[in-house]
Amino acid sequence: MNKKSDILERLYSTIESRKGDNPEASYTAKLLTQGMPEIARKVGEEAIETITAALTEEKIRIVEESADLLYHLLVLWAQKGITPEEVWSELISREGIPGNEGKASRTTN
């Protein structure tokens, strides 16, 4: 049985399965073939739309834009070979660490 909390893993699996699909038939396949510059642009666009909704819109618009942002972030992860489990592990490793302390201890590029 699918749990709501598993949706990001299921969506990620769907995105992975679209690799190599016909870009004319699949928006995800199209994004993946356009490459990282377009994927990153879409993540930025959706982030801005989420922020704008948070400042000016009703709750439903924030929910919708957040869903778009998460989808595009998962496409970015898939393109870069990052799995949700890697991100969840990173979040778990930060659990209970105060924000400033945790940020200072992370490596920077």
PDB file of N, CA and C in Angstrom:
ATOM      1  N   MET A   1       0.841  -1.191   0.000  1.00  0.00           N
ATOM      2  CA  MET A   1       0.000   0.000   0.000  1.00  0.00           C
ATOM      3  C   MET A   1       0.881   1.248   0.000  1.00  0.00           C
ATOM      4  N   ASN A   2       0.550   2.206  -0.846  1.00  0.00           N
ATOM      5  CA  ASN A   2       1.304   3.446  -0.917  1.00  0.00           C
ATOM      6  C   ASN A   2       0.910   4.372   0.218  1.00  0.00           C
ATOM      7  N   LYS A   3       1.922   4.906   0.869  1.00  0.00           N
ATOM      8  CA  LYS A   3       1.687   5.897   1.910  1.00  0.00           C
ATOM      9  C   LYS A   3       1.977   7.271   1.329  1.00  0.00           C
ATOM     10  N   LYS A   4       1.253   8.258   1.819  1.00  0.00           N
ATOM     11  CA  LYS A   4       1.496   9.622   1.360  1.00  0.00           C
ATOM     12  C   LYS A   4       2.942  10.025   1.592  1.00  0.00           C
ATOM     13  N   SER A   5       3.513   9.571   2.695  1.00  0.00           N
ATOM     14  CA  SER A   5       4.879   9.970   3.034  1.00  0.00           C
ATOM     15  C   SER A   5       5.916   9.404   2.070  1.00  0.00           C
ATOM     16  N   ASP A   6       5.535   8.449   1.239  1.00  0.00           N
ATOM     17  CA  ASP A   6       6.459   7.859   0.265  1.00  0.00           C
ATOM     18  C   ASP A   6       6.396   8.538  -1.104  1.00  0.00           C
ATOM     19  N   ILE A   7       5.617   9.588  -1.213  1.00  0.00           N
ATOM     20  CA  ILE A   7       5.380  10.187  -2.524  1.00  0.00           C
ATOM     21  C   ILE A   7       6.655  10.671  -3.184  1.00  0.00           C
ATOM     22  N   LEU A   8       7.583  11.232  -2.427  1.00  0.00           N
ATOM     23  CA  LEU A   8       8.804  11.737  -3.064  1.00  0.00           C
ATOM     24  C   LEU A   8       9.635  10.604  -3.642  1.00  0.00           C
ATOM     25  N   GLU A   9       9.696   9.468  -2.946  1.00  0.00           N
ATOM     26  CA  GLU A   9      10.416   8.313  -3.479  1.00  0.00           C
ATOM     27  C   GLU A   9       9.725   7.775  -4.732  1.00  0.00           C
ATOM     28  N   ARG A  10       8.387   7.716  -4.713  1.00  0.00           N
ATOM     29  CA  ARG A  10       7.656   7.239  -5.879  1.00  0.00           C
ATOM     30  C   ARG A  10       7.835   8.188  -7.061  1.00  0.00           C
ATOM     31  N   LEU A  11       7.768   9.481  -6.800  1.00  0.00           N
ATOM     32  CA  LEU A  11       7.957  10.463  -7.860  1.00  0.00           C
ATOM     33  C   LEU A  11       9.375  10.378  -8.419  1.00  0.00           C
ATOM     34  N   TYR A  12      10.354  10.216  -7.554  1.00  0.00           N
ATOM     35  CA  TYR A  12      11.742  10.077  -8.001  1.00  0.00           C
ATOM     36  C   TYR A  12      11.888   8.847  -8.902  1.00  0.00           C
ATOM     37  N   SER A  13      11.278   7.742  -8.514  1.00  0.00           N
ATOM     38  CA  SER A  13      11.327   6.531  -9.338  1.00  0.00           C
ATOM     39  C   SER A  13      10.706   6.767 -10.710  1.00  0.00           C
ATOM     40  N   THR A  14       9.612   7.489 -10.746  1.00  0.00           N
ATOM     41  CA  THR A  14       8.973   7.819 -12.016  1.00  0.00           C
ATOM     42  C   THR A  14       9.897   8.682 -12.867  1.00  0.00           C
ATOM     43  N   ILE A  15      10.526   9.672 -12.249  1.00  0.00           N
ATOM     44  CA  ILE A  15      11.467  10.533 -12.974  1.00  0.00           C
ATOM     45  C   ILE A  15      12.606   9.690 -13.544  1.00  0.00           C
ATOM     46  N   GLU A  16      13.175   8.816 -12.719  1.00  0.00           N
ATOM     47  CA  GLU A  16      14.258   7.938 -13.180  1.00  0.00           C
ATOM     48  C   GLU A  16      13.807   7.094 -14.368  1.00  0.00           C
ATOM     49  N   SER A  17      12.576   6.620 -14.322  1.00  0.00           N
ATOM     50  CA  SER A  17      12.071   5.758 -15.392  1.00  0.00           C
ATOM     51  C   SER A  17      11.867   6.513 -16.701  1.00  0.00           C
ATOM     52  N   ARG A  18      11.812   7.832 -16.637  1.00  0.00           N
ATOM     53  CA  ARG A  18      11.609   8.645 -17.844  1.00  0.00           C
ATOM     54  C   ARG A  18      12.912   8.923 -18.593  1.00  0.00           C
ATOM     55  N   LYS A  19      14.046   8.612 -17.968  1.00  0.00           N
ATOM     56  CA  LYS A  19      15.326   8.818 -18.649  1.00  0.00           C
ATOM     57  C   LYS A  19      15.326   8.005 -19.936  1.00  0.00           C
ATOM     58  N   GLY A  20      15.622   8.651 -21.036  1.00  0.00           N
ATOM     59  CA  GLY A  20      15.655   7.972 -22.321  1.00  0.00           C
ATOM     60  C   GLY A  20      14.312   7.883 -23.017  1.00  0.00           C
ATOM     61  N   ASP A  21      13.226   8.322 -22.360  1.00  0.00           N
ATOM     62  CA  ASP A  21      11.915   8.324 -23.008  1.00  0.00           C
ATOM     63  C   ASP A  21      11.865   9.424 -24.074  1.00  0.00           C
ATOM     64  N   ASN A  22      10.849   9.365 -24.885  1.00  0.00           N
ATOM     65  CA  ASN A  22      10.626  10.336 -25.939  1.00  0.00           C
ATOM     66  C   ASN A  22      10.337  11.708 -25.326  1.00  0.00           C
ATOM     67  N   PRO A  23      11.185  12.702 -25.590  1.00  0.00           N
ATOM     68  CA  PRO A  23      10.957  14.034 -25.031  1.00  0.00           C
ATOM     69  C   PRO A  23       9.678  14.701 -25.536  1.00  0.00           C
ATOM     70  N   GLU A  24       9.184  14.237 -26.669  1.00  0.00           N
ATOM     71  CA  GLU A  24       7.927  14.792 -27.191  1.00  0.00           C
ATOM     72  C   GLU A  24       6.720  14.261 -26.418  1.00  0.00           C
ATOM     73  N   ALA A  25       6.878  13.117 -25.770  1.00  0.00           N
ATOM     74  CA  ALA A  25       5.766  12.477 -25.069  1.00  0.00           C
ATOM     75  C   ALA A  25       5.822  12.682 -23.557  1.00  0.00           C
ATOM     76  N   SER A  26       6.957  13.163 -23.032  1.00  0.00           N
ATOM     77  CA  SER A  26       7.129  13.266 -21.587  1.00  0.00           C
ATOM     78  C   SER A  26       7.846  14.560 -21.229  1.00  0.00           C
ATOM     79  N   TYR A  27       7.191  15.383 -20.410  1.00  0.00           N
ATOM     80  CA  TYR A  27       7.812  16.622 -19.950  1.00  0.00           C
ATOM     81  C   TYR A  27       9.092  16.314 -19.178  1.00  0.00           C
ATOM     82  N   THR A  28       9.064  15.275 -18.362  1.00  0.00           N
ATOM     83  CA  THR A  28      10.248  14.894 -17.584  1.00  0.00           C
ATOM     84  C   THR A  28      11.392  14.505 -18.507  1.00  0.00           C
ATOM     85  N   ALA A  29      11.109  13.685 -19.511  1.00  0.00           N
ATOM     86  CA  ALA A  29      12.148  13.294 -20.467  1.00  0.00           C
ATOM     87  C   ALA A  29      12.697  14.515 -21.195  1.00  0.00           C
ATOM     88  N   LYS A  30      11.828  15.442 -21.540  1.00  0.00           N
ATOM     89  CA  LYS A  30      12.258  16.668 -22.206  1.00  0.00           C
ATOM     90  C   LYS A  30      13.209  17.458 -21.317  1.00  0.00           C
ATOM     91  N   LEU A  31      12.842  17.636 -20.057  1.00  0.00           N
ATOM     92  CA  LEU A  31      13.715  18.351 -19.119  1.00  0.00           C
ATOM     93  C   LEU A  31      15.070  17.667 -19.001  1.00  0.00           C
ATOM     94  N   LEU A  32      15.050  16.357 -18.847  1.00  0.00           N
ATOM     95  CA  LEU A  32      16.293  15.612 -18.688  1.00  0.00           C
ATOM     96  C   LEU A  32      17.190  15.736 -19.918  1.00  0.00           C
ATOM     97  N   THR A  33      16.603  15.778 -21.103  1.00  0.00           N
ATOM     98  CA  THR A  33      17.421  15.918 -22.315  1.00  0.00           C
ATOM     99  C   THR A  33      17.921  17.346 -22.496  1.00  0.00           C
ATOM    100  N   GLN A  34      17.228  18.316 -21.916  1.00  0.00           N
ATOM    101  CA  GLN A  34      17.670  19.713 -22.025  1.00  0.00           C
ATOM    102  C   GLN A  34      18.891  19.987 -21.154  1.00  0.00           C
ATOM    103  N   GLY A  35      19.100  19.154 -20.148  1.00  0.00           N
ATOM    104  CA  GLY A  35      20.309  19.263 -19.349  1.00  0.00           C
ATOM    105  C   GLY A  35      20.203  20.171 -18.135  1.00  0.00           C
ATOM    106  N   MET A  36      21.313  20.213 -17.415  1.00  0.00           N
ATOM    107  CA  MET A  36      21.343  20.902 -16.131  1.00  0.00           C
ATOM    108  C   MET A  36      21.037  22.395 -16.205  1.00  0.00           C
ATOM    109  N   PRO A  37      21.487  23.129 -17.204  1.00  0.00           N
ATOM    110  CA  PRO A  37      21.138  24.554 -17.206  1.00  0.00           C
ATOM    111  C   PRO A  37      19.619  24.797 -17.180  1.00  0.00           C
ATOM    112  N   GLU A  38      18.878  24.043 -17.979  1.00  0.00           N
ATOM    113  CA  GLU A  38      17.426  24.217 -18.003  1.00  0.00           C
ATOM    114  C   GLU A  38      16.784  23.702 -16.722  1.00  0.00           C
ATOM    115  N   ILE A  39      17.250  22.576 -16.236  1.00  0.00           N
ATOM    116  CA  ILE A  39      16.706  22.027 -14.987  1.00  0.00           C
ATOM    117  C   ILE A  39      16.941  23.010 -13.841  1.00  0.00           C
ATOM    118  N   ALA A  40      18.152  23.530 -13.736  1.00  0.00           N
ATOM    119  CA  ALA A  40      18.470  24.492 -12.675  1.00  0.00           C
ATOM    120  C   ALA A  40      17.625  25.756 -12.818  1.00  0.00           C
ATOM    121  N   ARG A  41      17.429  26.196 -14.048  1.00  0.00           N
ATOM    122  CA  ARG A  41      16.588  27.376 -14.277  1.00  0.00           C
ATOM    123  C   ARG A  41      15.168  27.135 -13.789  1.00  0.00           C
ATOM    124  N   LYS A  42      14.646  25.932 -14.078  1.00  0.00           N
ATOM    125  CA  LYS A  42      13.288  25.597 -13.639  1.00  0.00           C
ATOM    126  C   LYS A  42      13.195  25.524 -12.114  1.00  0.00           C
ATOM    127  N   VAL A  43      14.211  24.983 -11.456  1.00  0.00           N
ATOM    128  CA  VAL A  43      14.211  24.955  -9.988  1.00  0.00           C
ATOM    129  C   VAL A  43      14.167  26.386  -9.460  1.00  0.00           C
ATOM    130  N   GLY A  44      14.991  27.254 -10.020  1.00  0.00           N
ATOM    131  CA  GLY A  44      14.994  28.651  -9.597  1.00  0.00           C
ATOM    132  C   GLY A  44      13.664  29.337  -9.838  1.00  0.00           C
ATOM    133  N   GLU A  45      13.087  29.102 -11.004  1.00  0.00           N
ATOM    134  CA  GLU A  45      11.783  29.679 -11.337  1.00  0.00           C
ATOM    135  C   GLU A  45      10.716  29.240 -10.348  1.00  0.00           C
ATOM    136  N   GLU A  46      10.695  27.939 -10.060  1.00  0.00           N
ATOM    137  CA  GLU A  46       9.682  27.423  -9.134  1.00  0.00           C
ATOM    138  C   GLU A  46       9.925  27.908  -7.705  1.00  0.00           C
ATOM    139  N   ALA A  47      11.188  28.081  -7.334  1.00  0.00           N
ATOM    140  CA  ALA A  47      11.496  28.624  -6.009  1.00  0.00           C
ATOM    141  C   ALA A  47      10.966  30.051  -5.892  1.00  0.00           C
ATOM    142  N   ILE A  48      11.185  30.850  -6.927  1.00  0.00           N
ATOM    143  CA  ILE A  48      10.688  32.229  -6.923  1.00  0.00           C
ATOM    144  C   ILE A  48       9.165  32.251  -6.881  1.00  0.00           C
ATOM    145  N   GLU A  49       8.530  31.371  -7.651  1.00  0.00           N
ATOM    146  CA  GLU A  49       7.068  31.311  -7.639  1.00  0.00           C
ATOM    147  C   GLU A  49       6.537  30.881  -6.276  1.00  0.00           C
ATOM    148  N   THR A  50       7.246  29.999  -5.591  1.00  0.00           N
ATOM    149  CA  THR A  50       6.843  29.574  -4.244  1.00  0.00           C
ATOM    150  C   THR A  50       6.968  30.742  -3.274  1.00  0.00           C
ATOM    151  N   ILE A  51       8.062  31.465  -3.355  1.00  0.00           N
ATOM    152  CA  ILE A  51       8.268  32.631  -2.489  1.00  0.00           C
ATOM    153  C   ILE A  51       7.188  33.674  -2.753  1.00  0.00           C
ATOM    154  N   THR A  52       6.920  33.946  -4.022  1.00  0.00           N
ATOM    155  CA  THR A  52       5.900  34.930  -4.377  1.00  0.00           C
ATOM    156  C   THR A  52       4.539  34.508  -3.843  1.00  0.00           C
ATOM    157  N   ALA A  53       4.208  33.241  -3.998  1.00  0.00           N
ATOM    158  CA  ALA A  53       2.932  32.741  -3.475  1.00  0.00           C
ATOM    159  C   ALA A  53       2.868  32.895  -1.956  1.00  0.00           C
ATOM    160  N   ALA A  54       3.980  32.620  -1.281  1.00  0.00           N
ATOM    161  CA  ALA A  54       4.008  32.741   0.180  1.00  0.00           C
ATOM    162  C   ALA A  54       3.744  34.180   0.620  1.00  0.00           C
ATOM    163  N   LEU A  55       4.181  35.116  -0.180  1.00  0.00           N
ATOM    164  CA  LEU A  55       4.032  36.525   0.186  1.00  0.00           C
ATOM    165  C   LEU A  55       2.716  37.138  -0.257  1.00  0.00           C
ATOM    166  N   THR A  56       2.087  36.567  -1.293  1.00  0.00           N
ATOM    167  CA  THR A  56       0.935  37.264  -1.872  1.00  0.00           C
ATOM    168  C   THR A  56      -0.296  36.410  -2.129  1.00  0.00           C
ATOM    169  N   GLU A  57      -0.213  35.117  -1.991  1.00  0.00           N
ATOM    170  CA  GLU A  57      -1.302  34.264  -2.455  1.00  0.00           C
ATOM    171  C   GLU A  57      -1.981  33.507  -1.311  1.00  0.00           C
ATOM    172  N   GLU A  58      -3.037  32.828  -1.678  1.00  0.00           N
ATOM    173  CA  GLU A  58      -3.752  31.945  -0.772  1.00  0.00           C
ATOM    174  C   GLU A  58      -2.943  30.675  -0.527  1.00  0.00           C
ATOM    175  N   LYS A  59      -3.296  29.965   0.507  1.00  0.00           N
ATOM    176  CA  LYS A  59      -2.596  28.736   0.885  1.00  0.00           C
ATOM    177  C   LYS A  59      -2.506  27.739  -0.266  1.00  0.00           C
ATOM    178  N   ILE A  60      -3.572  27.559  -1.042  1.00  0.00           N
ATOM    179  CA  ILE A  60      -3.577  26.568  -2.116  1.00  0.00           C
ATOM    180  C   ILE A  60      -2.497  26.861  -3.147  1.00  0.00           C
ATOM    181  N   ARG A  61      -2.236  28.136  -3.449  1.00  0.00           N
ATOM    182  CA  ARG A  61      -1.190  28.494  -4.415  1.00  0.00           C
ATOM    183  C   ARG A  61       0.188  28.139  -3.861  1.00  0.00           C
ATOM    184  N   ILE A  62       0.382  28.310  -2.562  1.00  0.00           N
ATOM    185  CA  ILE A  62       1.658  27.934  -1.944  1.00  0.00           C
ATOM    186  C   ILE A  62       1.842  26.424  -2.050  1.00  0.00           C
ATOM    187  N   VAL A  63       0.786  25.679  -1.804  1.00  0.00           N
ATOM    188  CA  VAL A  63       0.837  24.219  -1.917  1.00  0.00           C
ATOM    189  C   VAL A  63       1.176  23.817  -3.352  1.00  0.00           C
ATOM    190  N   GLU A  64       0.495  24.404  -4.323  1.00  0.00           N
ATOM    191  CA  GLU A  64       0.732  24.064  -5.729  1.00  0.00           C
ATOM    192  C   GLU A  64       2.161  24.403  -6.158  1.00  0.00           C
ATOM    193  N   GLU A  65       2.623  25.575  -5.801  1.00  0.00           N
ATOM    194  CA  GLU A  65       3.983  25.976  -6.179  1.00  0.00           C
ATOM    195  C   GLU A  65       5.032  25.140  -5.453  1.00  0.00           C
ATOM    196  N   SER A  66       4.756  24.765  -4.216  1.00  0.00           N
ATOM    197  CA  SER A  66       5.677  23.896  -3.475  1.00  0.00           C
ATOM    198  C   SER A  66       5.796  22.539  -4.156  1.00  0.00           C
ATOM    199  N   ALA A  67       4.672  22.007  -4.629  1.00  0.00           N
ATOM    200  CA  ALA A  67       4.698  20.731  -5.342  1.00  0.00           C
ATOM    201  C   ALA A  67       5.531  20.848  -6.617  1.00  0.00           C
ATOM    202  N   ASP A  68       5.365  21.954  -7.349  1.00  0.00           N
ATOM    203  CA  ASP A  68       6.171  22.175  -8.559  1.00  0.00           C
ATOM    204  C   ASP A  68       7.654  22.250  -8.215  1.00  0.00           C
ATOM    205  N   LEU A  69       7.981  22.948  -7.147  1.00  0.00           N
ATOM    206  CA  LEU A  69       9.370  23.086  -6.726  1.00  0.00           C
ATOM    207  C   LEU A  69       9.970  21.732  -6.362  1.00  0.00           C
ATOM    208  N   LEU A  70       9.240  20.941  -5.593  1.00  0.00           N
ATOM    209  CA  LEU A  70       9.747  19.620  -5.215  1.00  0.00           C
ATOM    210  C   LEU A  70       9.950  18.729  -6.439  1.00  0.00           C
ATOM    211  N   TYR A  71       9.011  18.747  -7.362  1.00  0.00           N
ATOM    212  CA  TYR A  71       9.158  17.952  -8.586  1.00  0.00           C
ATOM    213  C   TYR A  71      10.438  18.340  -9.330  1.00  0.00           C
ATOM    214  N   HIS A  72      10.637  19.625  -9.555  1.00  0.00           N
ATOM    215  CA  HIS A  72      11.813  20.056 -10.306  1.00  0.00           C
ATOM    216  C   HIS A  72      13.103  19.783  -9.538  1.00  0.00           C
ATOM    217  N   LEU A  73      13.071  19.867  -8.230  1.00  0.00           N
ATOM    218  CA  LEU A  73      14.243  19.518  -7.425  1.00  0.00           C
ATOM    219  C   LEU A  73      14.571  18.032  -7.581  1.00  0.00           C
ATOM    220  N   LEU A  74      13.554  17.183  -7.610  1.00  0.00           N
ATOM    221  CA  LEU A  74      13.783  15.755  -7.822  1.00  0.00           C
ATOM    222  C   LEU A  74      14.354  15.476  -9.213  1.00  0.00           C
ATOM    223  N   VAL A  75      13.929  16.231 -10.211  1.00  0.00           N
ATOM    224  CA  VAL A  75      14.508  16.087 -11.552  1.00  0.00           C
ATOM    225  C   VAL A  75      15.989  16.453 -11.504  1.00  0.00           C
ATOM    226  N   LEU A  76      16.312  17.525 -10.796  1.00  0.00           N
ATOM    227  CA  LEU A  76      17.708  17.922 -10.650  1.00  0.00           C
ATOM    228  C   LEU A  76      18.522  16.818  -9.980  1.00  0.00           C
ATOM    229  N   TRP A  77      17.988  16.259  -8.894  1.00  0.00           N
ATOM    230  CA  TRP A  77      18.682  15.156  -8.205  1.00  0.00           C
ATOM    231  C   TRP A  77      18.924  14.001  -9.164  1.00  0.00           C
ATOM    232  N   ALA A  78      17.877  13.606  -9.901  1.00  0.00           N
ATOM    233  CA  ALA A  78      18.001  12.475 -10.829  1.00  0.00           C
ATOM    234  C   ALA A  78      19.068  12.752 -11.881  1.00  0.00           C
ATOM    235  N   GLN A  79      19.095  13.964 -12.392  1.00  0.00           N
ATOM    236  CA  GLN A  79      20.087  14.320 -13.405  1.00  0.00           C
ATOM    237  C   GLN A  79      21.503  14.233 -12.846  1.00  0.00           C
ATOM    238  N   LYS A  80      21.662  14.567 -11.573  1.00  0.00           N
ATOM    239  CA  LYS A  80      22.977  14.561 -10.940  1.00  0.00           C
ATOM    240  C   LYS A  80      23.308  13.227 -10.259  1.00  0.00           C
ATOM    241  N   GLY A  81      22.374  12.265 -10.314  1.00  0.00           N
ATOM    242  CA  GLY A  81      22.626  10.963  -9.695  1.00  0.00           C
ATOM    243  C   GLY A  81      22.536  10.987  -8.175  1.00  0.00           C
ATOM    244  N   ILE A  82      21.766  11.915  -7.653  1.00  0.00           N
ATOM    245  CA  ILE A  82      21.541  12.021  -6.209  1.00  0.00           C
ATOM    246  C   ILE A  82      20.215  11.349  -5.890  1.00  0.00           C
ATOM    247  N   THR A  83      20.215  10.470  -4.908  1.00  0.00           N
ATOM    248  CA  THR A  83      18.972   9.795  -4.529  1.00  0.00           C
ATOM    249  C   THR A  83      18.323  10.504  -3.340  1.00  0.00           C
ATOM    250  N   PRO A  84      17.010  10.378  -3.204  1.00  0.00           N
ATOM    251  CA  PRO A  84      16.357  10.939  -2.028  1.00  0.00           C
ATOM    252  C   PRO A  84      16.980  10.424  -0.725  1.00  0.00           C
ATOM    253  N   GLU A  85      17.373   9.154  -0.704  1.00  0.00           N
ATOM    254  CA  GLU A  85      17.966   8.580   0.496  1.00  0.00           C
ATOM    255  C   GLU A  85      19.220   9.331   0.932  1.00  0.00           C
ATOM    256  N   GLU A  86      20.013   9.801  -0.043  1.00  0.00           N
ATOM    257  CA  GLU A  86      21.204  10.580   0.295  1.00  0.00           C
ATOM    258  C   GLU A  86      20.826  11.889   0.985  1.00  0.00           C
ATOM    259  N   VAL A  87      19.777  12.523   0.500  1.00  0.00           N
ATOM    260  CA  VAL A  87      19.331  13.783   1.098  1.00  0.00           C
ATOM    261  C   VAL A  87      18.720  13.518   2.469  1.00  0.00           C
ATOM    262  N   TRP A  88      17.923  12.449   2.585  1.00  0.00           N
ATOM    263  CA  TRP A  88      17.329  12.119   3.892  1.00  0.00           C
ATOM    264  C   TRP A  88      18.449  11.834   4.907  1.00  0.00           C
ATOM    265  N   SER A  89      19.489  11.119   4.485  1.00  0.00           N
ATOM    266  CA  SER A  89      20.613  10.822   5.391  1.00  0.00           C
ATOM    267  C   SER A  89      21.292  12.101   5.850  1.00  0.00           C
ATOM    268  N   GLU A  90      21.450  13.034   4.936  1.00  0.00           N
ATOM    269  CA  GLU A  90      22.056  14.320   5.304  1.00  0.00           C
ATOM    270  C   GLU A  90      21.188  15.058   6.314  1.00  0.00           C
ATOM    271  N   LEU A  91      19.884  15.057   6.094  1.00  0.00           N
ATOM    272  CA  LEU A  91      18.977  15.707   7.042  1.00  0.00           C
ATOM    273  C   LEU A  91      19.044  15.029   8.408  1.00  0.00           C
ATOM    274  N   ILE A  92      19.084  13.710   8.416  1.00  0.00           N
ATOM    275  CA  ILE A  92      19.176  12.965   9.674  1.00  0.00           C
ATOM    276  C   ILE A  92      20.472  13.314  10.400  1.00  0.00           C
ATOM    277  N   SER A  93      21.566  13.450   9.651  1.00  0.00           N
ATOM    278  CA  SER A  93      22.848  13.769  10.286  1.00  0.00           C
ATOM    279  C   SER A  93      22.838  15.161  10.918  1.00  0.00           C
ATOM    280  N   ARG A  94      21.953  16.028  10.474  1.00  0.00           N
ATOM    281  CA  ARG A  94      21.854  17.388  11.015  1.00  0.00           C
ATOM    282  C   ARG A  94      20.854  17.501  12.164  1.00  0.00           C
ATOM    283  N   GLU A  95      20.052  16.475  12.340  1.00  0.00           N
ATOM    284  CA  GLU A  95      18.995  16.512  13.350  1.00  0.00           C
ATOM    285  C   GLU A  95      19.582  16.786  14.730  1.00  0.00           C
ATOM    286  N   GLY A  96      19.015  17.755  15.399  1.00  0.00           N
ATOM    287  CA  GLY A  96      19.436  18.079  16.750  1.00  0.00           C
ATOM    288  C   GLY A  96      20.651  18.983  16.838  1.00  0.00           C
ATOM    289  N   ILE A  97      21.240  19.354  15.695  1.00  0.00           N
ATOM    290  CA  ILE A  97      22.390  20.258  15.690  1.00  0.00           C
ATOM    291  C   ILE A  97      21.863  21.670  15.461  1.00  0.00           C
ATOM    292  N   PRO A  98      22.217  22.606  16.352  1.00  0.00           N
ATOM    293  CA  PRO A  98      21.759  23.985  16.148  1.00  0.00           C
ATOM    294  C   PRO A  98      22.174  24.508  14.778  1.00  0.00           C
ATOM    295  N   GLY A  99      21.310  25.305  14.161  1.00  0.00           N
ATOM    296  CA  GLY A  99      21.510  25.782  12.798  1.00  0.00           C
ATOM    297  C   GLY A  99      22.854  26.408  12.526  1.00  0.00           C
ATOM    298  N   ASN A 100      23.286  27.350  13.352  1.00  0.00           N
ATOM    299  CA  ASN A 100      24.564  28.027  13.096  1.00  0.00           C
ATOM    300  C   ASN A 100      25.731  27.065  13.225  1.00  0.00           C
ATOM    301  N   GLU A 101      25.681  26.188  14.206  1.00  0.00           N
ATOM    302  CA  GLU A 101      26.752  25.205  14.403  1.00  0.00           C
ATOM    303  C   GLU A 101      26.815  24.242  13.227  1.00  0.00           C
ATOM    304  N   GLY A 102      25.669  23.751  12.798  1.00  0.00           N
ATOM    305  CA  GLY A 102      25.621  22.824  11.671  1.00  0.00           C
ATOM    306  C   GLY A 102      26.113  23.454  10.390  1.00  0.00           C
ATOM    307  N   LYS A 103      25.693  24.695  10.135  1.00  0.00           N
ATOM    308  CA  LYS A 103      26.106  25.385   8.912  1.00  0.00           C
ATOM    309  C   LYS A 103      27.616  25.607   8.908  1.00  0.00           C
ATOM    310  N   ALA A 104      28.177  25.976  10.044  1.00  0.00           N
ATOM    311  CA  ALA A 104      29.620  26.236  10.138  1.00  0.00           C
ATOM    312  C   ALA A 104      30.447  24.970   9.922  1.00  0.00           C
ATOM    313  N   SER A 105      29.890  23.807  10.279  1.00  0.00           N
ATOM    314  CA  SER A 105      30.643  22.561  10.166  1.00  0.00           C
ATOM    315  C   SER A 105      30.602  21.941   8.773  1.00  0.00           C
ATOM    316  N   ARG A 106      29.695  22.431   7.892  1.00  0.00           N
ATOM    317  CA  ARG A 106      29.596  21.873   6.549  1.00  0.00           C
ATOM    318  C   ARG A 106      30.724  22.346   5.666  1.00  0.00           C
ATOM    319  N   THR A 107      31.099  21.477   4.724  1.00  0.00           N
ATOM    320  CA  THR A 107      32.141  21.866   3.778  1.00  0.00           C
ATOM    321  C   THR A 107      31.563  22.849   2.774  1.00  0.00           C
ATOM    322  N   THR A 108      32.379  23.752   2.322  1.00  0.00           N
ATOM    323  CA  THR A 108      31.948  24.729   1.314  1.00  0.00           C
ATOM    324  C   THR A 108      32.812  24.567   0.084  1.00  0.00           C
ATOM    325  N   ASN A 109      32.223  24.913  -1.052  1.00  0.00           N
ATOM    326  CA  ASN A 109      32.952  24.837  -2.330  1.00  0.00           C
ATOM    327  C   ASN A 109      33.260  26.211  -2.824  1.00  0.00           C
TER     328      ASN A 109
END
